[in-house]
PDB file of N, CA and C in Angstrom:
ATOM      1  N   MET A   1      41.098 150.777-224.514  1.00  0.00           N
ATOM      2  CA  MET A   1      40.454 149.544-223.932  1.00  0.00           C
ATOM      3  C   MET A   1      39.137 149.239-224.691  1.00  0.00           C
ATOM      4  N   THR A   2      39.048 148.323-225.573  1.00  0.00           N
ATOM      5  CA  THR A   2      38.133 148.019-226.370  1.00  0.00           C
ATOM      6  C   THR A   2      36.589 147.804-225.973  1.00  0.00           C
ATOM      7  N   THR A   3      35.419 147.612-226.632  1.00  0.00           N
ATOM      8  CA  THR A   3      34.076 147.066-225.462  1.00  0.00           C
ATOM      9  C   THR A   3      33.731 146.576-226.543  1.00  0.00           C
ATOM     10  N   PRO A   4      33.333 145.262-226.426  1.00  0.00           N
ATOM     11  CA  PRO A   4      32.425 144.574-227.462  1.00  0.00           C
ATOM     12  C   PRO A   4      31.585 144.735-227.752  1.00  0.00           C
ATOM     13  N   SER A   5      31.051 145.171-228.787  1.00  0.00           N
ATOM     14  CA  SER A   5      29.741 146.072-229.830  1.00  0.00           C
ATOM     15  C   SER A   5      29.118 144.861-230.164  1.00  0.00           C
ATOM     16  N   GLY A   6      30.056 143.963-231.125  1.00  0.00           N
ATOM     17  CA  GLY A   6      28.994 142.772-231.526  1.00  0.00           C
ATOM     18  C   GLY A   6      28.806 142.944-232.922  1.00  0.00           C
ATOM     19  N   ASP A   7      29.576 144.371-233.659  1.00  0.00           N
ATOM     20  CA  ASP A   7      29.745 144.748-235.171  1.00  0.00           C
ATOM     21  C   ASP A   7      30.164 144.293-235.923  1.00  0.00           C
ATOM     22  N   ARG A   8      31.345 143.637-235.453  1.00  0.00           N
ATOM     23  CA  ARG A   8      32.309 143.099-236.171  1.00  0.00           C
ATOM     24  C   ARG A   8      32.345 141.694-236.333  1.00  0.00           C
ATOM     25  N   PRO A   9      32.511 141.325-238.256  1.00  0.00           N
ATOM     26  CA  PRO A   9      31.721 139.772-238.075  1.00  0.00           C
ATOM     27  C   PRO A   9      32.799 138.838-238.135  1.00  0.00           C
ATOM     28  N   GLU A  10      33.997 139.090-237.461  1.00  0.00           N
ATOM     29  CA  GLU A  10      34.930 138.702-237.364  1.00  0.00           C
ATOM     30  C   GLU A  10      34.621 137.396-235.407  1.00  0.00           C
ATOM     31  N   ASP A  11      33.555 138.318-234.849  1.00  0.00           N
ATOM     32  CA  ASP A  11      33.638 137.962-233.657  1.00  0.00           C
ATOM     33  C   ASP A  11      32.330 137.624-233.642  1.00  0.00           C
ATOM     34  N   ASP A  12      31.711 137.074-235.139  1.00  0.00           N
ATOM     35  CA  ASP A  12      30.568 135.863-234.452  1.00  0.00           C
ATOM     36  C   ASP A  12      31.064 134.695-234.597  1.00  0.00           C
ATOM     37  N   TYR A  13      32.109 134.637-235.005  1.00  0.00           N
ATOM     38  CA  TYR A  13      32.469 132.959-234.697  1.00  0.00           C
ATOM     39  C   TYR A  13      32.828 132.904-233.180  1.00  0.00           C
ATOM     40  N   TRP A  14      32.950 133.946-232.008  1.00  0.00           N
ATOM     41  CA  TRP A  14      33.084 133.845-230.904  1.00  0.00           C
ATOM     42  C   TRP A  14      31.564 133.720-230.426  1.00  0.00           C
ATOM     43  N   ARG A  15      30.487 133.858-230.785  1.00  0.00           N
ATOM     44  CA  ARG A  15      29.465 134.717-229.924  1.00  0.00           C
ATOM     45  C   ARG A  15      28.533 132.697-229.959  1.00  0.00           C
ATOM     46  N   ARG A  16      27.898 133.090-228.723  1.00  0.00           N
ATOM     47  CA  ARG A  16      26.930 131.625-228.181  1.00  0.00           C
ATOM     48  C   ARG A  16      26.100 131.140-229.194  1.00  0.00           C
ATOM     49  N   PRO A  17      25.924 130.319-229.798  1.00  0.00           N
ATOM     50  CA  PRO A  17      24.820 130.147-230.831  1.00  0.00           C
ATOM     51  C   PRO A  17      23.719 129.890-230.178  1.00  0.00           C
ATOM     52  N   PRO A  18      22.295 130.342-230.764  1.00  0.00           N
ATOM     53  CA  PRO A  18      21.009 130.561-230.299  1.00  0.00           C
ATOM     54  C   PRO A  18      20.528 129.667-230.048  1.00  0.00           C
ATOM     55  N   ASP A  19      19.728 129.219-229.102  1.00  0.00           N
ATOM     56  CA  ASP A  19      19.073 128.182-228.518  1.00  0.00           C
ATOM     57  C   ASP A  19      18.315 126.893-229.146  1.00  0.00           C
ATOM     58  N   ASP A  20      17.454 127.213-230.384  1.00  0.00           N
ATOM     59  CA  ASP A  20      17.293 126.716-230.907  1.00  0.00           C
ATOM     60  C   ASP A  20      18.469 125.643-231.809  1.00  0.00           C
ATOM     61  N   GLY A  21      19.595 125.836-231.746  1.00  0.00           N
ATOM     62  CA  GLY A  21      20.820 125.260-232.608  1.00  0.00           C
ATOM     63  C   GLY A  21      20.961 125.812-234.173  1.00  0.00           C
ATOM     64  N   ALA A  22      19.925 126.127-234.408  1.00  0.00           N
ATOM     65  CA  ALA A  22      20.403 126.981-235.482  1.00  0.00           C
ATOM     66  C   ALA A  22      21.563 127.498-235.751  1.00  0.00           C
ATOM     67  N   THR A  23      22.533 127.553-237.217  1.00  0.00           N
ATOM     68  CA  THR A  23      23.193 128.884-236.723  1.00  0.00           C
ATOM     69  C   THR A  23      23.252 129.773-237.908  1.00  0.00           C
ATOM     70  N   ASP A  24      23.290 131.099-237.955  1.00  0.00           N
ATOM     71  CA  ASP A  24      22.798 132.166-238.823  1.00  0.00           C
ATOM     72  C   ASP A  24      24.303 132.251-239.905  1.00  0.00           C
ATOM     73  N   ASP A  25      25.372 131.806-239.523  1.00  0.00           N
ATOM     74  CA  ASP A  25      26.435 131.722-240.297  1.00  0.00           C
ATOM     75  C   ASP A  25      26.909 130.694-241.295  1.00  0.00           C
ATOM     76  N   PRO A  26      26.813 130.810-242.248  1.00  0.00           N
ATOM     77  CA  PRO A  26      27.186 129.273-242.957  1.00  0.00           C
ATOM     78  C   PRO A  26      28.882 128.758-243.030  1.00  0.00           C
ATOM     79  N   LYS A  27      29.932 130.320-242.413  1.00  0.00           N
ATOM     80  CA  LYS A  27      31.285 129.756-242.362  1.00  0.00           C
ATOM     81  C   LYS A  27      31.923 129.328-241.520  1.00  0.00           C
ATOM     82  N   ARG A  28      30.510 129.283-240.296  1.00  0.00           N
ATOM     83  CA  ARG A  28      30.992 128.567-238.801  1.00  0.00           C
ATOM     84  C   ARG A  28      30.716 127.020-238.937  1.00  0.00           C
ATOM     85  N   PRO A  29      31.597 126.403-238.513  1.00  0.00           N
ATOM     86  CA  PRO A  29      32.082 125.384-238.163  1.00  0.00           C
ATOM     87  C   PRO A  29      30.755 124.101-237.824  1.00  0.00           C
ATOM     88  N   PRO A  30      30.542 122.910-238.123  1.00  0.00           N
ATOM     89  CA  PRO A  30      29.498 122.381-236.688  1.00  0.00           C
ATOM     90  C   PRO A  30      30.478 122.043-235.934  1.00  0.00           C
ATOM     91  N   GLU A  31      29.555 121.989-234.561  1.00  0.00           N
ATOM     92  CA  GLU A  31      30.016 121.463-233.069  1.00  0.00           C
ATOM     93  C   GLU A  31      30.759 120.564-233.162  1.00  0.00           C
ATOM     94  N   PRO A  32      31.744 120.201-232.200  1.00  0.00           N
ATOM     95  CA  PRO A  32      32.379 118.741-232.170  1.00  0.00           C
ATOM     96  C   PRO A  32      31.675 118.038-231.000  1.00  0.00           C
ATOM     97  N   GLY A  33      31.494 116.703-231.323  1.00  0.00           N
ATOM     98  CA  GLY A  33      31.065 116.019-230.700  1.00  0.00           C
ATOM     99  C   GLY A  33      31.528 114.547-231.188  1.00  0.00           C
ATOM    100  N   PRO A  34      30.512 113.499-229.985  1.00  0.00           N
ATOM    101  CA  PRO A  34      31.305 112.445-230.657  1.00  0.00           C
ATOM    102  C   PRO A  34      30.451 111.476-231.667  1.00  0.00           C
ATOM    103  N   ALA A  35      31.609 110.594-232.201  1.00  0.00           N
ATOM    104  CA  ALA A  35      31.403 110.243-233.347  1.00  0.00           C
ATOM    105  C   ALA A  35      30.099 109.204-233.585  1.00  0.00           C
ATOM    106  N   GLY A  36      29.543 109.883-234.454  1.00  0.00           N
ATOM    107  CA  GLY A  36      28.121 109.148-234.961  1.00  0.00           C
ATOM    108  C   GLY A  36      26.973 109.631-234.108  1.00  0.00           C
ATOM    109  N   ALA A  37      27.154 111.117-233.248  1.00  0.00           N
ATOM    110  CA  ALA A  37      25.953 111.169-232.165  1.00  0.00           C
ATOM    111  C   ALA A  37      25.296 112.444-232.843  1.00  0.00           C
ATOM    112  N   ASP A  38      24.431 112.988-232.581  1.00  0.00           N
ATOM    113  CA  ASP A  38      23.665 114.246-232.960  1.00  0.00           C
ATOM    114  C   ASP A  38      23.887 115.100-232.310  1.00  0.00           C
ATOM    115  N   PRO A  39      24.939 116.467-232.857  1.00  0.00           N
ATOM    116  CA  PRO A  39      25.314 117.343-231.996  1.00  0.00           C
ATOM    117  C   PRO A  39      23.928 117.657-231.584  1.00  0.00           C
ATOM    118  N   SER A  40      22.902 118.098-232.091  1.00  0.00           N
ATOM    119  CA  SER A  40      21.907 119.221-231.175  1.00  0.00           C
ATOM    120  C   SER A  40      21.550 118.392-229.620  1.00  0.00           C
ATOM    121  N   ALA A  41      21.279 116.623-229.376  1.00  0.00           N
ATOM    122  CA  ALA A  41      21.857 115.779-228.480  1.00  0.00           C
ATOM    123  C   ALA A  41      22.093 116.309-227.304  1.00  0.00           C
ATOM    124  N   GLY A  42      23.592 117.323-227.410  1.00  0.00           N
ATOM    125  CA  GLY A  42      24.065 117.819-226.274  1.00  0.00           C
ATOM    126  C   GLY A  42      25.832 116.921-226.596  1.00  0.00           C
ATOM    127  N   TYR A  43      25.989 116.811-225.134  1.00  0.00           N
ATOM    128  CA  TYR A  43      27.394 116.311-224.451  1.00  0.00           C
ATOM    129  C   TYR A  43      26.997 114.728-224.016  1.00  0.00           C
ATOM    130  N   GLY A  44      27.827 113.873-225.059  1.00  0.00           N
ATOM    131  CA  GLY A  44      27.259 112.240-224.544  1.00  0.00           C
ATOM    132  C   GLY A  44      27.958 112.168-224.030  1.00  0.00           C
ATOM    133  N   GLY A  45      28.847 112.762-223.166  1.00  0.00           N
ATOM    134  CA  GLY A  45      29.916 111.616-222.555  1.00  0.00           C
ATOM    135  C   GLY A  45      31.076 111.358-223.153  1.00  0.00           C
ATOM    136  N   PRO A  46      32.159 110.892-222.025  1.00  0.00           N
ATOM    137  CA  PRO A  46      33.332 110.650-222.592  1.00  0.00           C
ATOM    138  C   PRO A  46      33.258 109.152-223.368  1.00  0.00           C
ATOM    139  N   PRO A  47      34.495 109.053-224.227  1.00  0.00           N
ATOM    140  CA  PRO A  47      34.006 107.419-224.636  1.00  0.00           C
ATOM    141  C   PRO A  47      34.846 106.550-223.836  1.00  0.00           C
ATOM    142  N   PRO A  48      33.849 105.639-224.221  1.00  0.00           N
ATOM    143  CA  PRO A  48      34.710 104.096-222.995  1.00  0.00           C
ATOM    144  C   PRO A  48      35.494 103.659-223.127  1.00  0.00           C
ATOM    145  N   SER A  49      36.765 103.520-221.727  1.00  0.00           N
ATOM    146  CA  SER A  49      37.677 103.049-221.793  1.00  0.00           C
ATOM    147  C   SER A  49      37.818 101.991-221.821  1.00  0.00           C
ATOM    148  N   THR A  50      39.203 101.220-221.921  1.00  0.00           N
ATOM    149  CA  THR A  50      39.691  99.738-221.594  1.00  0.00           C
ATOM    150  C   THR A  50      40.405  99.817-220.418  1.00  0.00           C
ATOM    151  N   PRO A  51      40.456  98.915-219.819  1.00  0.00           N
ATOM    152  CA  PRO A  51      41.378  98.883-218.565  1.00  0.00           C
ATOM    153  C   PRO A  51      42.829  98.104-219.177  1.00  0.00           C
ATOM    154  N   PRO A  52      43.585  98.660-218.226  1.00  0.00           N
ATOM    155  CA  PRO A  52      44.760  98.224-218.580  1.00  0.00           C
ATOM    156  C   PRO A  52      45.345  96.697-218.782  1.00  0.00           C
ATOM    157  N   PRO A  53      46.807  96.618-219.298  1.00  0.00           N
ATOM    158  CA  PRO A  53      46.755  95.011-219.468  1.00  0.00           C
ATOM    159  C   PRO A  53      47.285  94.421-217.725  1.00  0.00           C
ATOM    160  N   PRO A  54      47.102  93.540-217.545  1.00  0.00           N
ATOM    161  CA  PRO A  54      47.647  93.179-216.345  1.00  0.00           C
ATOM    162  C   PRO A  54      49.046  93.351-215.933  1.00  0.00           C
ATOM    163  N   GLY A  55      49.767  93.715-214.826  1.00  0.00           N
ATOM    164  CA  GLY A  55      51.166  93.709-214.841  1.00  0.00           C
ATOM    165  C   GLY A  55      51.577  94.894-215.502  1.00  0.00           C
ATOM    166  N   TRP A  56      50.949  96.290-215.883  1.00  0.00           N
ATOM    167  CA  TRP A  56      51.453  97.417-216.743  1.00  0.00           C
ATOM    168  C   TRP A  56      52.023  98.154-215.664  1.00  0.00           C
ATOM    169  N   ARG A  57      52.202  98.065-214.438  1.00  0.00           N
ATOM    170  CA  ARG A  57      52.937  98.842-213.118  1.00  0.00           C
ATOM    171  C   ARG A  57      54.509  98.102-213.139  1.00  0.00           C
ATOM    172  N   PRO A  58      55.419  99.245-212.777  1.00  0.00           N
ATOM    173  CA  PRO A  58      56.419  99.146-212.556  1.00  0.00           C
ATOM    174  C   PRO A  58      56.566  98.152-211.364  1.00  0.00           C
ATOM    175  N   PRO A  59      57.573  97.120-211.434  1.00  0.00           N
ATOM    176  CA  PRO A  59      58.076  96.865-209.997  1.00  0.00           C
ATOM    177  C   PRO A  59      57.813  97.678-208.495  1.00  0.00           C
ATOM    178  N   LEU A  60      57.557  96.930-207.429  1.00  0.00           N
ATOM    179  CA  LEU A  60      57.199  98.001-206.134  1.00  0.00           C
ATOM    180  C   LEU A  60      58.413  97.725-204.976  1.00  0.00           C
ATOM    181  N   HIS A  61      59.243  98.352-205.006  1.00  0.00           N
ATOM    182  CA  HIS A  61      60.707  97.770-203.512  1.00  0.00           C
ATOM    183  C   HIS A  61      60.134  98.572-202.642  1.00  0.00           C
ATOM    184  N   VAL A  62      59.500  97.606-201.553  1.00  0.00           N
ATOM    185  CA  VAL A  62      59.179  98.447-200.522  1.00  0.00           C
ATOM    186  C   VAL A  62      59.926  98.968-199.320  1.00  0.00           C
ATOM    187  N   ARG A  63      61.281  97.311-199.615  1.00  0.00           N
ATOM    188  CA  ARG A  63      62.007  97.700-198.199  1.00  0.00           C
ATOM    189  C   ARG A  63      63.259  98.332-198.510  1.00  0.00           C
ATOM    190  N   ALA A  64      63.562  99.253-197.922  1.00  0.00           N
ATOM    191  CA  ALA A  64      65.107 100.145-198.158  1.00  0.00           C
ATOM    192  C   ALA A  64      66.048  99.793-197.650  1.00  0.00           C
ATOM    193  N   ALA A  65      67.379 100.182-198.606  1.00  0.00           N
ATOM    194  CA  ALA A  65      68.598  99.850-197.608  1.00  0.00           C
ATOM    195  C   ALA A  65      68.451 100.484-196.370  1.00  0.00           C
ATOM    196  N   PRO A  66      69.257  99.579-195.655  1.00  0.00           N
ATOM    197  CA  PRO A  66      69.709  99.873-194.057  1.00  0.00           C
ATOM    198  C   PRO A  66      70.473 100.863-193.695  1.00  0.00           C
ATOM    199  N   PRO A  67      70.288 101.987-192.822  1.00  0.00           N
ATOM    200  CA  PRO A  67      71.036 103.355-193.112  1.00  0.00           C
ATOM    201  C   PRO A  67      72.386 102.563-192.788  1.00  0.00           C
ATOM    202  N   ARG A  68      73.007 103.714-192.899  1.00  0.00           N
ATOM    203  CA  ARG A  68      75.082 103.641-192.321  1.00  0.00           C
ATOM    204  C   ARG A  68      75.408 104.135-191.464  1.00  0.00           C
ATOM    205  N   GLN A  69      76.259 103.839-190.850  1.00  0.00           N
ATOM    206  CA  GLN A  69      76.579 103.984-189.595  1.00  0.00           C
ATOM    207  C   GLN A  69      77.334 105.207-189.896  1.00  0.00           C
ATOM    208  N   LEU A  70      77.362 106.884-189.027  1.00  0.00           N
ATOM    209  CA  LEU A  70      78.207 107.719-188.994  1.00  0.00           C
ATOM    210  C   LEU A  70      79.456 107.370-188.347  1.00  0.00           C
ATOM    211  N   PRO A  71      80.885 107.644-188.515  1.00  0.00           N
ATOM    212  CA  PRO A  71      81.414 107.630-188.047  1.00  0.00           C
ATOM    213  C   PRO A  71      81.570 108.128-186.412  1.00  0.00           C
ATOM    214  N   PRO A  72      82.689 107.498-185.199  1.00  0.00           N
ATOM    215  CA  PRO A  72      82.320 108.223-184.514  1.00  0.00           C
ATOM    216  C   PRO A  72      83.046 109.597-184.015  1.00  0.00           C
ATOM    217  N   GLN A  73      82.452 110.293-183.095  1.00  0.00           N
ATOM    218  CA  GLN A  73      82.720 111.570-182.624  1.00  0.00           C
ATOM    219  C   GLN A  73      83.706 111.382-181.332  1.00  0.00           C
ATOM    220  N   ASP A  74      84.962 112.384-181.945  1.00  0.00           N
ATOM    221  CA  ASP A  74      85.651 112.788-180.714  1.00  0.00           C
ATOM    222  C   ASP A  74      85.106 113.901-179.946  1.00  0.00           C
ATOM    223  N   MET A  75      84.613 113.773-178.958  1.00  0.00           N
ATOM    224  CA  MET A  75      84.130 114.982-178.007  1.00  0.00           C
ATOM    225  C   MET A  75      84.918 115.619-177.504  1.00  0.00           C
ATOM    226  N   ALA A  76      86.276 115.294-177.091  1.00  0.00           N
ATOM    227  CA  ALA A  76      87.001 115.899-176.146  1.00  0.00           C
ATOM    228  C   ALA A  76      87.682 116.691-177.310  1.00  0.00           C
ATOM    229  N   GLY A  77      88.472 115.737-178.875  1.00  0.00           N
ATOM    230  CA  GLY A  77      88.931 116.980-179.374  1.00  0.00           C
ATOM    231  C   GLY A  77      88.367 118.145-179.846  1.00  0.00           C
ATOM    232  N   LEU A  78      87.019 118.087-180.396  1.00  0.00           N
ATOM    233  CA  LEU A  78      85.520 119.102-180.744  1.00  0.00           C
ATOM    234  C   LEU A  78      85.632 119.998-179.671  1.00  0.00           C
ATOM    235  N   ASP A  79      85.713 119.669-178.215  1.00  0.00           N
ATOM    236  CA  ASP A  79      85.681 120.709-177.392  1.00  0.00           C
ATOM    237  C   ASP A  79      87.183 121.680-177.439  1.00  0.00           C
ATOM    238  N   ALA A  80      87.912 120.870-177.215  1.00  0.00           N
ATOM    239  CA  ALA A  80      89.273 121.154-177.024  1.00  0.00           C
ATOM    240  C   ALA A  80      89.302 122.866-178.255  1.00  0.00           C
ATOM    241  N   VAL A  81      88.870 122.250-179.906  1.00  0.00           N
ATOM    242  CA  VAL A  81      89.328 123.172-181.201  1.00  0.00           C
ATOM    243  C   VAL A  81      88.150 124.308-180.705  1.00  0.00           C
ATOM    244  N   GLU A  82      86.869 123.708-180.060  1.00  0.00           N
ATOM    245  CA  GLU A  82      86.123 125.032-179.628  1.00  0.00           C
ATOM    246  C   GLU A  82      86.755 126.009-178.899  1.00  0.00           C
ATOM    247  N   GLN A  83      87.311 125.440-178.030  1.00  0.00           N
ATOM    248  CA  GLN A  83      87.843 126.397-176.545  1.00  0.00           C
ATOM    249  C   GLN A  83      89.061 127.303-177.750  1.00  0.00           C
ATOM    250  N   ARG A  84      89.658 126.858-178.290  1.00  0.00           N
ATOM    251  CA  ARG A  84      90.776 127.206-179.496  1.00  0.00           C
ATOM    252  C   ARG A  84      90.346 128.821-180.394  1.00  0.00           C
ATOM    253  N   ALA A  85      88.926 127.925-180.947  1.00  0.00           N
ATOM    254  CA  ALA A  85      88.148 128.882-181.455  1.00  0.00           C
ATOM    255  C   ALA A  85      88.134 129.875-180.408  1.00  0.00           C
ATOM    256  N   GLN A  86      87.448 130.043-179.006  1.00  0.00           N
ATOM    257  CA  GLN A  86      87.018 131.193-178.532  1.00  0.00           C
ATOM    258  C   GLN A  86      87.744 132.200-178.070  1.00  0.00           C
ATOM    259  N   HIS A  87      89.334 131.641-177.964  1.00  0.00           N
ATOM    260  CA  HIS A  87      90.185 132.196-177.022  1.00  0.00           C
ATOM    261  C   HIS A  87      90.591 132.915-178.761  1.00  0.00           C
ATOM    262  N   VAL A  88      90.604 132.857-180.143  1.00  0.00           N
ATOM    263  CA  VAL A  88      91.193 133.143-181.337  1.00  0.00           C
ATOM    264  C   VAL A  88      90.269 134.837-180.864  1.00  0.00           C
ATOM    265  N   THR A  89      88.747 134.018-180.907  1.00  0.00           N
ATOM    266  CA  THR A  89      88.028 135.594-180.938  1.00  0.00           C
ATOM    267  C   THR A  89      88.169 136.799-180.224  1.00  0.00           C
ATOM    268  N   TRP A  90      88.233 135.802-178.760  1.00  0.00           N
ATOM    269  CA  TRP A  90      88.553 136.703-177.511  1.00  0.00           C
ATOM    270  C   TRP A  90      89.643 137.626-178.006  1.00  0.00           C
ATOM    271  N   VAL A  91      90.659 137.334-178.281  1.00  0.00           N
ATOM    272  CA  VAL A  91      91.840 137.876-178.546  1.00  0.00           C
ATOM    273  C   VAL A  91      91.915 139.248-180.045  1.00  0.00           C
ATOM    274  N   ALA A  92      90.992 138.644-180.423  1.00  0.00           N
ATOM    275  CA  ALA A  92      90.744 139.441-182.160  1.00  0.00           C
ATOM    276  C   ALA A  92      89.593 140.960-181.548  1.00  0.00           C
ATOM    277  N   GLY A  93      89.010 140.081-180.742  1.00  0.00           N
ATOM    278  CA  GLY A  93      88.071 141.585-180.175  1.00  0.00           C
ATOM    279  C   GLY A  93      89.196 142.566-179.180  1.00  0.00           C
ATOM    280  N   ALA A  94      89.655 142.011-178.262  1.00  0.00           N
ATOM    281  CA  ALA A  94      90.686 142.817-177.342  1.00  0.00           C
ATOM    282  C   ALA A  94      91.610 143.336-178.309  1.00  0.00           C
ATOM    283  N   VAL A  95      92.395 143.232-179.056  1.00  0.00           N
ATOM    284  CA  VAL A  95      92.792 143.543-180.340  1.00  0.00           C
ATOM    285  C   VAL A  95      92.298 145.248-180.973  1.00  0.00           C
ATOM    286  N   ALA A  96      90.749 144.672-181.175  1.00  0.00           N
ATOM    287  CA  ALA A  96      89.936 145.683-181.934  1.00  0.00           C
ATOM    288  C   ALA A  96      89.666 147.161-180.899  1.00  0.00           C
ATOM    289  N   GLY A  97      89.742 146.278-179.910  1.00  0.00           N
ATOM    290  CA  GLY A  97      89.428 147.304-179.150  1.00  0.00           C
ATOM    291  C   GLY A  97      90.118 148.169-178.367  1.00  0.00           C
ATOM    292  N   VAL A  98      91.577 147.579-178.152  1.00  0.00           N
ATOM    293  CA  VAL A  98      92.928 148.584-178.046  1.00  0.00           C
ATOM    294  C   VAL A  98      92.813 149.533-179.623  1.00  0.00           C
ATOM    295  N   VAL A  99      92.887 149.116-180.109  1.00  0.00           N
ATOM    296  CA  VAL A  99      93.029 150.015-181.296  1.00  0.00           C
ATOM    297  C   VAL A  99      92.375 150.658-181.316  1.00  0.00           C
ATOM    298  N   LEU A 100      90.673 150.596-180.859  1.00  0.00           N
ATOM    299  CA  LEU A 100      89.589 151.455-181.217  1.00  0.00           C
ATOM    300  C   LEU A 100      89.814 152.888-179.853  1.00  0.00           C
ATOM    301  N   LEU A 101      90.331 152.279-179.129  1.00  0.00           N
ATOM    302  CA  LEU A 101      90.213 152.987-177.548  1.00  0.00           C
ATOM    303  C   LEU A 101      91.819 154.218-177.767  1.00  0.00           C
ATOM    304  N   ALA A 102      92.591 153.426-178.714  1.00  0.00           N
ATOM    305  CA  ALA A 102      93.669 154.523-178.921  1.00  0.00           C
ATOM    306  C   ALA A 102      93.448 155.446-180.201  1.00  0.00           C
ATOM    307  N   LEU A 103      92.675 155.045-181.256  1.00  0.00           N
ATOM    308  CA  LEU A 103      92.407 156.116-182.316  1.00  0.00           C
ATOM    309  C   LEU A 103      91.309 156.952-181.470  1.00  0.00           C
ATOM    310  N   LEU A 104      90.125 157.121-180.313  1.00  0.00           N
ATOM    311  CA  LEU A 104      89.299 157.590-179.644  1.00  0.00           C
ATOM    312  C   LEU A 104      90.249 158.619-179.007  1.00  0.00           C
ATOM    313  N   CYS A 105      91.984 158.199-178.000  1.00  0.00           N
ATOM    314  CA  CYS A 105      92.230 158.972-177.643  1.00  0.00           C
ATOM    315  C   CYS A 105      93.326 160.262-178.121  1.00  0.00           C
ATOM    316  N   LEU A 106      93.613 159.158-179.709  1.00  0.00           N
ATOM    317  CA  LEU A 106      93.810 160.418-180.818  1.00  0.00           C
ATOM    318  C   LEU A 106      93.485 161.517-180.744  1.00  0.00           C
ATOM    319  N   LEU A 107      91.875 160.880-181.537  1.00  0.00           N
ATOM    320  CA  LEU A 107      91.166 161.620-181.546  1.00  0.00           C
ATOM    321  C   LEU A 107      90.560 163.290-180.796  1.00  0.00           C
ATOM    322  N   CYS A 108      90.243 162.499-179.398  1.00  0.00           N
ATOM    323  CA  CYS A 108      90.440 163.581-178.691  1.00  0.00           C
ATOM    324  C   CYS A 108      91.367 164.230-177.824  1.00  0.00           C
ATOM    325  N   SER A 109      92.487 163.722-178.235  1.00  0.00           N
ATOM    326  CA  SER A 109      93.657 164.671-178.028  1.00  0.00           C
ATOM    327  C   SER A 109      93.285 166.186-178.443  1.00  0.00           C
ATOM    328  N   ARG A 110      93.053 166.296-180.287  1.00  0.00           N
ATOM    329  CA  ARG A 110      93.510 166.858-181.360  1.00  0.00           C
ATOM    330  C   ARG A 110      92.298 167.951-180.926  1.00  0.00           C
ATOM    331  N   ALA A 111      90.925 167.180-180.253  1.00  0.00           N
ATOM    332  CA  ALA A 111      89.417 168.234-180.065  1.00  0.00           C
ATOM    333  C   ALA A 111      90.096 169.222-179.235  1.00  0.00           C
ATOM    334  N   PHE A 112      90.523 169.229-177.995  1.00  0.00           N
ATOM    335  CA  PHE A 112      91.209 169.578-176.857  1.00  0.00           C
ATOM    336  C   PHE A 112      92.277 170.684-177.344  1.00  0.00           C
ATOM    337  N   ARG A 113      93.013 170.720-178.280  1.00  0.00           N
ATOM    338  CA  ARG A 113      94.252 171.473-178.209  1.00  0.00           C
ATOM    339  C   ARG A 113      93.892 172.546-178.636  1.00  0.00           C
TER     340      ARG A 113
END
C-alpha cells in the first residue's frame, strides 16, 4: 500500500491549486472554462441552449389494438385428461411401493437367516 507523501513531482498535477489562483508549476495547463471568461472568476454556468424545432418528436399512438379472443376451452375434456393422469400417477406409485416392499422382505429374510 502506498501513502501520498507529496514528494513526487508527477503528483503536482493532481494537487489542488492555491487559493489565490496562481500556479506554481509552469507545465500545468490552464483551468478549463467558458470561452472568453476569466478563469479566476469561477464557474460561469452552462452555455445557453436553443429550443428544439417544433415537431421534433416522433408521432404518438395512444390507442393500442384490441386484445384477441382466446380459443374456447373444453372443460369436460380437460377434466378427463386430468383424471387419466392422476390414475397413471397412482398406478406408478403402487408399482414402486410393491417393488420396495418386495426388496424389504428380501433383505429382511436374508438378515434373519
